[in-house]
Amino acid sequence: MYQIKNQIYQNMTKNQKSALCNFLRSLVKKSPDMDVNNIFDKFIEDENYYFEINNPHFEFLENYINDEQFRNETILFLNECKKYYDYKKKQAPLIEAQKAYEKQKREFLKELKMSKEQPTKKQLYYYERLCKKYNLEKKELSSKLEARDEIDKILKTYSKANDPFSNSD
């Protein structure tokens, strides 16, 4: 897409070209099911309408809008945009899988770090209070991970036992 962008609209300024390309790219993104020629026709129709009411999006297009070279360059760019968004759509499952893998990796590294750190005072205090409340024998906790897991185990065990809505029968 960027190669095409450098080849088209040579007679426009950098800002004009950028604004027009961004607008065209957003048109393609908004209407992925439409054909490129239909998108172009709709764009020309809208721009002509805005010129008629004297409120154009792109004033500089007045000289180019009916030019055949402009049409060819715009359709070329719209085709490239369409290919780009189709490619991104096809890549979405792969990207989601990569994100899930990265999330799983971060979780693993977080637990690995927790397994090497001493439990916090809050964790130890909370664990002691739970053991006292449910008359459990206290273990010597060696890491934040072990403390978290023990606290979770106690809470799950005794929250099910005390839950009047659980189906334990």
N, C-alpha and C. Protein backbone atom coordinates (compact mmCIF):
# COMPACT_ATOMS: atom_id res chain seq x y z
N MET A 1 0.83 -1.19 0.00
CA MET A 1 0.00 0.00 0.00
C MET A 1 0.87 1.25 0.00
N TYR A 2 1.98 1.22 0.74
CA TYR A 2 2.82 2.41 0.85
C TYR A 2 3.57 2.70 -0.44
N GLN A 3 3.89 1.64 -1.20
CA GLN A 3 4.53 1.84 -2.49
C GLN A 3 3.58 2.53 -3.45
N ILE A 4 2.33 2.08 -3.44
CA ILE A 4 1.31 2.68 -4.30
C ILE A 4 1.09 4.13 -3.89
N LYS A 5 1.06 4.36 -2.60
CA LYS A 5 0.81 5.72 -2.09
C LYS A 5 1.88 6.70 -2.59
N ASN A 6 3.10 6.22 -2.72
CA ASN A 6 4.18 7.09 -3.22
C ASN A 6 4.08 7.35 -4.71
N GLN A 7 3.38 6.49 -5.43
CA GLN A 7 3.29 6.61 -6.88
C GLN A 7 2.10 7.44 -7.35
N ILE A 8 1.09 7.60 -6.50
CA ILE A 8 -0.14 8.27 -6.93
C ILE A 8 -0.20 9.71 -6.45
N TYR A 9 -1.09 10.48 -7.07
CA TYR A 9 -1.36 11.87 -6.70
C TYR A 9 -0.08 12.72 -6.64
N GLN A 10 0.73 12.62 -7.66
CA GLN A 10 2.00 13.34 -7.69
C GLN A 10 1.82 14.86 -7.75
N ASN A 11 0.68 15.33 -8.23
CA ASN A 11 0.47 16.77 -8.36
C ASN A 11 -0.19 17.40 -7.13
N MET A 12 -0.35 16.65 -6.07
CA MET A 12 -0.92 17.19 -4.82
C MET A 12 0.19 17.42 -3.81
N THR A 13 -0.11 18.30 -2.85
CA THR A 13 0.87 18.51 -1.78
C THR A 13 0.84 17.30 -0.85
N LYS A 14 1.84 17.23 0.00
CA LYS A 14 1.96 16.12 0.93
C LYS A 14 0.73 16.04 1.86
N ASN A 15 0.29 17.18 2.36
CA ASN A 15 -0.87 17.21 3.26
C ASN A 15 -2.16 16.84 2.54
N GLN A 16 -2.33 17.32 1.34
CA GLN A 16 -3.53 16.99 0.55
C GLN A 16 -3.58 15.49 0.28
N LYS A 17 -2.46 14.96 -0.14
CA LYS A 17 -2.37 13.54 -0.44
C LYS A 17 -2.66 12.69 0.79
N SER A 18 -2.09 13.07 1.90
CA SER A 18 -2.29 12.34 3.15
C SER A 18 -3.75 12.37 3.59
N ALA A 19 -4.36 13.55 3.54
CA ALA A 19 -5.76 13.68 3.95
C ALA A 19 -6.67 12.84 3.06
N LEU A 20 -6.44 12.90 1.77
CA LEU A 20 -7.26 12.14 0.83
C LEU A 20 -7.08 10.63 1.02
N CYS A 21 -5.85 10.20 1.17
CA CYS A 21 -5.58 8.76 1.36
C CYS A 21 -6.19 8.25 2.66
N ASN A 22 -6.08 9.01 3.72
CA ASN A 22 -6.68 8.60 4.99
C ASN A 22 -8.20 8.50 4.88
N PHE A 23 -8.80 9.45 4.19
CA PHE A 23 -10.24 9.43 4.00
C PHE A 23 -10.67 8.22 3.17
N LEU A 24 -9.95 7.96 2.09
CA LEU A 24 -10.27 6.81 1.24
C LEU A 24 -10.08 5.49 1.98
N ARG A 25 -9.03 5.42 2.78
CA ARG A 25 -8.78 4.21 3.56
C ARG A 25 -9.91 3.98 4.55
N SER A 26 -10.39 5.04 5.17
CA SER A 26 -11.50 4.88 6.12
C SER A 26 -12.79 4.48 5.41
N LEU A 27 -12.98 4.95 4.17
CA LEU A 27 -14.15 4.52 3.40
C LEU A 27 -14.12 3.01 3.14
N VAL A 28 -12.96 2.51 2.79
CA VAL A 28 -12.82 1.07 2.54
C VAL A 28 -13.05 0.29 3.83
N LYS A 29 -12.52 0.80 4.92
CA LYS A 29 -12.67 0.10 6.20
C LYS A 29 -14.12 0.08 6.65
N LYS A 30 -14.86 1.16 6.41
CA LYS A 30 -16.26 1.25 6.82
C LYS A 30 -17.17 0.34 6.00
N SER A 31 -16.79 0.07 4.77
CA SER A 31 -17.65 -0.73 3.89
C SER A 31 -16.86 -1.89 3.28
N PRO A 32 -16.54 -2.90 4.08
CA PRO A 32 -15.72 -4.00 3.57
C PRO A 32 -16.44 -4.87 2.54
N ASP A 33 -17.77 -4.85 2.52
CA ASP A 33 -18.52 -5.69 1.59
C ASP A 33 -18.74 -5.04 0.23
N MET A 34 -18.49 -3.75 0.14
CA MET A 34 -18.71 -3.05 -1.13
C MET A 34 -17.56 -3.26 -2.10
N ASP A 35 -17.89 -3.22 -3.38
CA ASP A 35 -16.91 -3.32 -4.45
C ASP A 35 -16.13 -2.00 -4.53
N VAL A 36 -14.90 -2.07 -4.99
CA VAL A 36 -14.04 -0.88 -5.09
C VAL A 36 -14.66 0.18 -6.00
N ASN A 37 -15.22 -0.24 -7.11
CA ASN A 37 -15.84 0.72 -8.03
C ASN A 37 -17.04 1.41 -7.38
N ASN A 38 -17.80 0.66 -6.60
CA ASN A 38 -18.95 1.25 -5.89
C ASN A 38 -18.48 2.26 -4.83
N ILE A 39 -17.41 1.93 -4.16
CA ILE A 39 -16.86 2.85 -3.16
C ILE A 39 -16.40 4.14 -3.86
N PHE A 40 -15.71 3.98 -4.99
CA PHE A 40 -15.25 5.15 -5.73
C PHE A 40 -16.44 6.00 -6.20
N ASP A 41 -17.45 5.34 -6.78
CA ASP A 41 -18.64 6.07 -7.26
C ASP A 41 -19.32 6.82 -6.12
N LYS A 42 -19.43 6.17 -4.97
CA LYS A 42 -20.05 6.82 -3.81
C LYS A 42 -19.22 8.02 -3.36
N PHE A 43 -17.90 7.86 -3.37
CA PHE A 43 -17.00 8.94 -2.99
C PHE A 43 -17.18 10.14 -3.93
N ILE A 44 -17.19 9.89 -5.24
CA ILE A 44 -17.35 10.96 -6.23
C ILE A 44 -18.73 11.62 -6.07
N GLU A 45 -19.74 10.81 -5.88
CA GLU A 45 -21.11 11.33 -5.70
C GLU A 45 -21.18 12.25 -4.47
N ASP A 46 -20.60 11.79 -3.37
CA ASP A 46 -20.60 12.60 -2.15
C ASP A 46 -19.82 13.90 -2.34
N GLU A 47 -18.66 13.80 -2.94
CA GLU A 47 -17.84 15.00 -3.14
C GLU A 47 -18.52 15.99 -4.07
N ASN A 48 -19.16 15.50 -5.12
CA ASN A 48 -19.91 16.41 -6.02
C ASN A 48 -21.04 17.09 -5.27
N TYR A 49 -21.70 16.34 -4.41
CA TYR A 49 -22.78 16.92 -3.60
C TYR A 49 -22.23 18.04 -2.71
N TYR A 50 -21.09 17.78 -2.07
CA TYR A 50 -20.51 18.80 -1.18
C TYR A 50 -20.01 20.02 -1.96
N PHE A 51 -19.55 19.81 -3.18
CA PHE A 51 -19.18 20.95 -4.01
C PHE A 51 -20.41 21.77 -4.38
N GLU A 52 -21.53 21.09 -4.65
CA GLU A 52 -22.77 21.78 -5.00
C GLU A 52 -23.29 22.65 -3.86
N ILE A 53 -23.19 22.14 -2.63
CA ILE A 53 -23.67 22.94 -1.50
C ILE A 53 -22.59 23.88 -0.97
N ASN A 54 -21.47 23.92 -1.67
CA ASN A 54 -20.38 24.85 -1.36
C ASN A 54 -19.73 24.56 -0.01
N ASN A 55 -19.59 23.27 0.31
CA ASN A 55 -18.97 22.86 1.56
C ASN A 55 -18.16 21.57 1.34
N PRO A 56 -17.13 21.61 0.48
CA PRO A 56 -16.42 20.38 0.14
C PRO A 56 -15.49 19.90 1.25
N HIS A 57 -15.31 18.58 1.31
CA HIS A 57 -14.31 18.02 2.23
C HIS A 57 -12.91 18.40 1.78
N PHE A 58 -12.70 18.28 0.46
CA PHE A 58 -11.39 18.51 -0.11
C PHE A 58 -11.53 19.53 -1.25
N GLU A 59 -11.28 20.78 -0.96
CA GLU A 59 -11.43 21.84 -1.96
C GLU A 59 -10.49 21.64 -3.14
N PHE A 60 -9.33 21.08 -2.89
CA PHE A 60 -8.33 20.90 -3.94
C PHE A 60 -8.76 19.87 -4.98
N LEU A 61 -9.79 19.06 -4.70
CA LEU A 61 -10.24 18.05 -5.65
C LEU A 61 -11.06 18.63 -6.79
N GLU A 62 -11.45 19.87 -6.68
CA GLU A 62 -12.30 20.47 -7.71
C GLU A 62 -11.65 20.36 -9.09
N ASN A 63 -10.36 20.48 -9.14
CA ASN A 63 -9.65 20.41 -10.42
C ASN A 63 -9.42 18.98 -10.89
N TYR A 64 -9.46 18.00 -9.97
CA TYR A 64 -9.09 16.63 -10.29
C TYR A 64 -10.27 15.67 -10.40
N ILE A 65 -11.38 16.01 -9.81
CA ILE A 65 -12.45 15.04 -9.57
C ILE A 65 -12.96 14.34 -10.83
N ASN A 66 -12.94 14.99 -11.96
CA ASN A 66 -13.44 14.39 -13.21
C ASN A 66 -12.31 13.92 -14.12
N ASP A 67 -11.10 13.95 -13.63
CA ASP A 67 -9.92 13.56 -14.41
C ASP A 67 -9.78 12.03 -14.43
N GLU A 68 -9.48 11.48 -15.57
CA GLU A 68 -9.34 10.01 -15.72
C GLU A 68 -8.13 9.48 -14.94
N GLN A 69 -7.05 10.25 -14.91
CA GLN A 69 -5.88 9.82 -14.15
C GLN A 69 -6.21 9.75 -12.66
N PHE A 70 -6.95 10.73 -12.17
CA PHE A 70 -7.37 10.72 -10.77
C PHE A 70 -8.21 9.47 -10.50
N ARG A 71 -9.12 9.14 -11.40
CA ARG A 71 -9.96 7.95 -11.24
C ARG A 71 -9.09 6.69 -11.16
N ASN A 72 -8.17 6.55 -12.09
CA ASN A 72 -7.32 5.36 -12.11
C ASN A 72 -6.46 5.24 -10.85
N GLU A 73 -5.87 6.36 -10.44
CA GLU A 73 -5.03 6.35 -9.24
C GLU A 73 -5.85 6.04 -8.00
N THR A 74 -7.05 6.60 -7.92
CA THR A 74 -7.91 6.37 -6.75
C THR A 74 -8.36 4.92 -6.70
N ILE A 75 -8.76 4.38 -7.81
CA ILE A 75 -9.19 2.97 -7.83
C ILE A 75 -8.01 2.06 -7.49
N LEU A 76 -6.82 2.39 -7.97
CA LEU A 76 -5.63 1.62 -7.62
C LEU A 76 -5.41 1.65 -6.10
N PHE A 77 -5.52 2.83 -5.52
CA PHE A 77 -5.33 2.96 -4.08
C PHE A 77 -6.43 2.23 -3.31
N LEU A 78 -7.67 2.35 -3.75
CA LEU A 78 -8.78 1.65 -3.09
C LEU A 78 -8.59 0.13 -3.15
N ASN A 79 -8.11 -0.37 -4.29
CA ASN A 79 -7.82 -1.80 -4.40
C ASN A 79 -6.76 -2.24 -3.39
N GLU A 80 -5.71 -1.44 -3.25
CA GLU A 80 -4.66 -1.75 -2.28
C GLU A 80 -5.21 -1.75 -0.86
N CYS A 81 -6.05 -0.77 -0.55
CA CYS A 81 -6.66 -0.70 0.78
C CYS A 81 -7.52 -1.94 1.04
N LYS A 82 -8.28 -2.33 0.03
CA LYS A 82 -9.15 -3.50 0.14
C LYS A 82 -8.32 -4.75 0.40
N LYS A 83 -7.20 -4.91 -0.33
CA LYS A 83 -6.30 -6.05 -0.11
C LYS A 83 -5.75 -6.03 1.31
N TYR A 84 -5.36 -4.84 1.76
CA TYR A 84 -4.79 -4.69 3.10
C TYR A 84 -5.78 -5.12 4.18
N TYR A 85 -7.02 -4.64 4.09
CA TYR A 85 -8.02 -4.98 5.11
C TYR A 85 -8.47 -6.43 5.01
N ASP A 86 -8.50 -6.98 3.80
CA ASP A 86 -8.81 -8.41 3.66
C ASP A 86 -7.71 -9.25 4.31
N TYR A 87 -6.47 -8.85 4.10
CA TYR A 87 -5.34 -9.55 4.71
C TYR A 87 -5.41 -9.47 6.23
N LYS A 88 -5.71 -8.27 6.74
CA LYS A 88 -5.83 -8.11 8.20
C LYS A 88 -6.95 -8.98 8.76
N LYS A 89 -8.05 -9.08 8.03
CA LYS A 89 -9.18 -9.89 8.46
C LYS A 89 -8.78 -11.37 8.53
N LYS A 90 -8.02 -11.82 7.53
CA LYS A 90 -7.56 -13.20 7.51
C LYS A 90 -6.56 -13.47 8.63
N GLN A 91 -5.79 -12.47 9.01
CA GLN A 91 -4.77 -12.62 10.04
C GLN A 91 -5.33 -12.52 11.46
N ALA A 92 -6.57 -12.08 11.61
CA ALA A 92 -7.16 -11.84 12.93
C ALA A 92 -7.08 -13.07 13.85
N PRO A 93 -7.45 -14.28 13.40
CA PRO A 93 -7.35 -15.43 14.30
C PRO A 93 -5.92 -15.70 14.75
N LEU A 94 -4.98 -15.51 13.85
CA LEU A 94 -3.58 -15.72 14.20
C LEU A 94 -3.12 -14.70 15.24
N ILE A 95 -3.53 -13.46 15.06
CA ILE A 95 -3.16 -12.40 15.99
C ILE A 95 -3.79 -12.67 17.36
N GLU A 96 -5.05 -13.11 17.37
CA GLU A 96 -5.72 -13.43 18.64
C GLU A 96 -5.01 -14.58 19.35
N ALA A 97 -4.61 -15.59 18.60
CA ALA A 97 -3.89 -16.72 19.18
C ALA A 97 -2.56 -16.26 19.77
N GLN A 98 -1.88 -15.35 19.06
CA GLN A 98 -0.61 -14.82 19.55
C GLN A 98 -0.82 -14.03 20.85
N LYS A 99 -1.89 -13.24 20.89
CA LYS A 99 -2.20 -12.47 22.11
C LYS A 99 -2.48 -13.41 23.27
N ALA A 100 -3.24 -14.48 23.02
CA ALA A 100 -3.56 -15.45 24.08
C ALA A 100 -2.28 -16.12 24.58
N TYR A 101 -1.39 -16.47 23.65
CA TYR A 101 -0.12 -17.07 24.04
C TYR A 101 0.71 -16.11 24.89
N GLU A 102 0.78 -14.85 24.48
CA GLU A 102 1.54 -13.85 25.23
C GLU A 102 0.95 -13.66 26.63
N LYS A 103 -0.37 -13.66 26.72
CA LYS A 103 -1.02 -13.52 28.02
C LYS A 103 -0.69 -14.71 28.93
N GLN A 104 -0.74 -15.91 28.34
CA GLN A 104 -0.40 -17.11 29.10
C GLN A 104 1.05 -17.07 29.55
N LYS A 105 1.93 -16.60 28.69
CA LYS A 105 3.35 -16.49 29.03
C LYS A 105 3.58 -15.49 30.16
N ARG A 106 2.88 -14.34 30.10
CA ARG A 106 3.01 -13.35 31.18
C ARG A 106 2.52 -13.93 32.51
N GLU A 107 1.40 -14.68 32.45
CA GLU A 107 0.87 -15.30 33.67
C GLU A 107 1.87 -16.30 34.25
N PHE A 108 2.47 -17.10 33.39
CA PHE A 108 3.47 -18.08 33.84
C PHE A 108 4.66 -17.37 34.49
N LEU A 109 5.15 -16.31 33.84
CA LEU A 109 6.30 -15.58 34.39
C LEU A 109 5.95 -14.90 35.71
N LYS A 110 4.72 -14.42 35.82
CA LYS A 110 4.26 -13.80 37.07
C LYS A 110 4.25 -14.83 38.20
N GLU A 111 3.75 -16.03 37.90
CA GLU A 111 3.73 -17.08 38.92
C GLU A 111 5.14 -17.55 39.26
N LEU A 112 6.01 -17.61 38.27
CA LEU A 112 7.39 -17.99 38.52
C LEU A 112 8.05 -16.98 39.47
N LYS A 113 7.80 -15.71 39.23
CA LYS A 113 8.35 -14.66 40.09
C LYS A 113 7.77 -14.78 41.51
N MET A 114 6.45 -15.04 41.59
CA MET A 114 5.81 -15.16 42.90
C MET A 114 6.35 -16.37 43.67
N SER A 115 6.74 -17.42 42.97
CA SER A 115 7.24 -18.62 43.65
C SER A 115 8.60 -18.39 44.29
N LYS A 116 9.29 -17.34 43.88
CA LYS A 116 10.62 -17.06 44.41
C LYS A 116 10.62 -15.96 45.47
N GLU A 117 9.46 -15.29 45.67
CA GLU A 117 9.39 -14.21 46.65
C GLU A 117 8.75 -14.69 47.95
N GLN A 118 9.16 -14.05 49.03
CA GLN A 118 8.59 -14.37 50.34
C GLN A 118 7.14 -13.88 50.40
N PRO A 119 6.27 -14.58 51.14
CA PRO A 119 4.87 -14.10 51.26
C PRO A 119 4.83 -12.77 52.00
N THR A 120 3.85 -11.94 51.67
CA THR A 120 3.73 -10.64 52.30
C THR A 120 3.12 -10.79 53.69
N LYS A 121 3.25 -9.74 54.47
CA LYS A 121 2.67 -9.75 55.82
C LYS A 121 1.15 -9.88 55.76
N LYS A 122 0.55 -9.23 54.78
CA LYS A 122 -0.90 -9.31 54.61
C LYS A 122 -1.33 -10.73 54.31
N GLN A 123 -0.60 -11.40 53.43
CA GLN A 123 -0.94 -12.78 53.09
C GLN A 123 -0.82 -13.68 54.32
N LEU A 124 0.27 -13.52 55.05
CA LEU A 124 0.47 -14.34 56.24
C LEU A 124 -0.62 -14.09 57.28
N TYR A 125 -0.95 -12.84 57.48
CA TYR A 125 -1.99 -12.48 58.45
C TYR A 125 -3.34 -13.06 58.01
N TYR A 126 -3.69 -12.90 56.76
CA TYR A 126 -4.97 -13.40 56.25
C TYR A 126 -5.02 -14.93 56.34
N TYR A 127 -3.92 -15.59 56.02
CA TYR A 127 -3.85 -17.04 56.11
C TYR A 127 -4.03 -17.50 57.56
N GLU A 128 -3.37 -16.81 58.48
CA GLU A 128 -3.51 -17.16 59.90
C GLU A 128 -4.96 -16.98 60.38
N ARG A 129 -5.59 -15.91 59.99
CA ARG A 129 -6.99 -15.65 60.38
C ARG A 129 -7.93 -16.72 59.81
N LEU A 130 -7.69 -17.11 58.56
CA LEU A 130 -8.53 -18.16 57.97
C LEU A 130 -8.33 -19.50 58.69
N CYS A 131 -7.09 -19.83 59.01
CA CYS A 131 -6.81 -21.08 59.71
C CYS A 131 -7.48 -21.07 61.09
N LYS A 132 -7.41 -19.93 61.76
CA LYS A 132 -8.03 -19.81 63.08
C LYS A 132 -9.55 -19.91 62.97
N LYS A 133 -10.12 -19.26 61.98
CA LYS A 133 -11.58 -19.24 61.79
C LYS A 133 -12.12 -20.64 61.50
N TYR A 134 -11.43 -21.41 60.68
CA TYR A 134 -11.91 -22.73 60.29
C TYR A 134 -11.20 -23.87 61.02
N ASN A 135 -10.46 -23.55 62.08
CA ASN A 135 -9.75 -24.53 62.90
C ASN A 135 -8.87 -25.46 62.07
N LEU A 136 -8.03 -24.86 61.27
CA LEU A 136 -7.12 -25.62 60.42
C LEU A 136 -5.70 -25.53 60.97
N GLU A 137 -4.92 -26.54 60.65
CA GLU A 137 -3.52 -26.52 61.05
C GLU A 137 -2.73 -25.65 60.08
N LYS A 138 -1.94 -24.75 60.61
CA LYS A 138 -1.17 -23.84 59.76
C LYS A 138 0.05 -24.55 59.18
N LYS A 139 0.34 -24.21 57.92
CA LYS A 139 1.55 -24.70 57.26
C LYS A 139 2.56 -23.56 57.24
N GLU A 140 3.81 -23.93 57.03
CA GLU A 140 4.84 -22.92 56.85
C GLU A 140 4.83 -22.53 55.37
N LEU A 141 4.46 -21.27 55.07
CA LEU A 141 4.37 -20.80 53.70
C LEU A 141 5.72 -20.24 53.26
N SER A 142 6.20 -20.74 52.12
CA SER A 142 7.54 -20.34 51.69
C SER A 142 7.54 -19.29 50.57
N SER A 143 6.39 -19.07 49.92
CA SER A 143 6.38 -18.12 48.81
C SER A 143 5.01 -17.46 48.68
N LYS A 144 4.99 -16.37 47.92
CA LYS A 144 3.73 -15.68 47.64
C LYS A 144 2.76 -16.59 46.89
N LEU A 145 3.30 -17.37 45.98
CA LEU A 145 2.47 -18.27 45.18
C LEU A 145 1.83 -19.33 46.07
N GLU A 146 2.60 -19.91 46.96
CA GLU A 146 2.06 -20.94 47.86
C GLU A 146 1.01 -20.33 48.79
N ALA A 147 1.27 -19.11 49.28
CA ALA A 147 0.30 -18.44 50.14
C ALA A 147 -0.99 -18.17 49.38
N ARG A 148 -0.89 -17.68 48.18
CA ARG A 148 -2.08 -17.41 47.36
C ARG A 148 -2.88 -18.68 47.12
N ASP A 149 -2.18 -19.77 46.78
CA ASP A 149 -2.85 -21.03 46.49
C ASP A 149 -3.53 -21.61 47.73
N GLU A 150 -2.86 -21.53 48.87
CA GLU A 150 -3.44 -22.04 50.12
C GLU A 150 -4.69 -21.24 50.52
N ILE A 151 -4.60 -19.93 50.41
CA ILE A 151 -5.74 -19.06 50.74
C ILE A 151 -6.90 -19.36 49.80
N ASP A 152 -6.62 -19.50 48.52
CA ASP A 152 -7.67 -19.83 47.55
C ASP A 152 -8.32 -21.17 47.86
N LYS A 153 -7.50 -22.14 48.21
CA LYS A 153 -8.02 -23.48 48.51
C LYS A 153 -8.95 -23.44 49.73
N ILE A 154 -8.55 -22.71 50.75
CA ILE A 154 -9.39 -22.59 51.95
C ILE A 154 -10.70 -21.89 51.61
N LEU A 155 -10.60 -20.79 50.89
CA LEU A 155 -11.81 -20.04 50.54
C LEU A 155 -12.77 -20.86 49.68
N LYS A 156 -12.25 -21.60 48.72
CA LYS A 156 -13.11 -22.42 47.87
C LYS A 156 -13.77 -23.54 48.67
N THR A 157 -12.99 -24.18 49.52
CA THR A 157 -13.52 -25.29 50.31
C THR A 157 -14.63 -24.83 51.25
N TYR A 158 -14.38 -23.76 51.98
CA TYR A 158 -15.34 -23.34 53.00
C TYR A 158 -16.43 -22.44 52.47
N SER A 159 -16.23 -21.82 51.31
CA SER A 159 -17.33 -21.02 50.76
C SER A 159 -18.39 -21.94 50.17
N LYS A 160 -18.01 -23.09 49.63
CA LYS A 160 -18.99 -24.06 49.13
C LYS A 160 -19.74 -24.70 50.28
N ALA A 161 -19.04 -24.97 51.38
CA ALA A 161 -19.67 -25.61 52.53
C ALA A 161 -20.68 -24.68 53.19
N ASN A 162 -20.41 -23.38 53.18
CA ASN A 162 -21.30 -22.42 53.84
C ASN A 162 -22.31 -21.79 52.89
N ASP A 163 -22.24 -22.11 51.62
CA ASP A 163 -23.14 -21.51 50.64
C ASP A 163 -24.49 -22.22 50.66
N PRO A 164 -25.57 -21.53 51.05
CA PRO A 164 -26.88 -22.19 51.13
C PRO A 164 -27.45 -22.53 49.75
N PHE A 165 -26.90 -21.94 48.70
CA PHE A 165 -27.43 -22.18 47.35
C PHE A 165 -26.66 -23.25 46.59
N SER A 166 -25.60 -23.78 47.18
CA SER A 166 -24.84 -24.80 46.48
C SER A 166 -25.60 -26.13 46.48
N ASN A 167 -25.38 -26.90 45.45
CA ASN A 167 -26.06 -28.19 45.32
C ASN A 167 -25.15 -29.30 45.84
N SER A 168 -24.93 -29.35 47.12
CA SER A 168 -24.03 -30.33 47.68
C SER A 168 -24.76 -31.62 48.03
N ASP A 169 -26.10 -31.65 47.92
CA ASP A 169 -26.81 -32.88 48.28
C ASP A 169 -27.08 -33.77 47.13
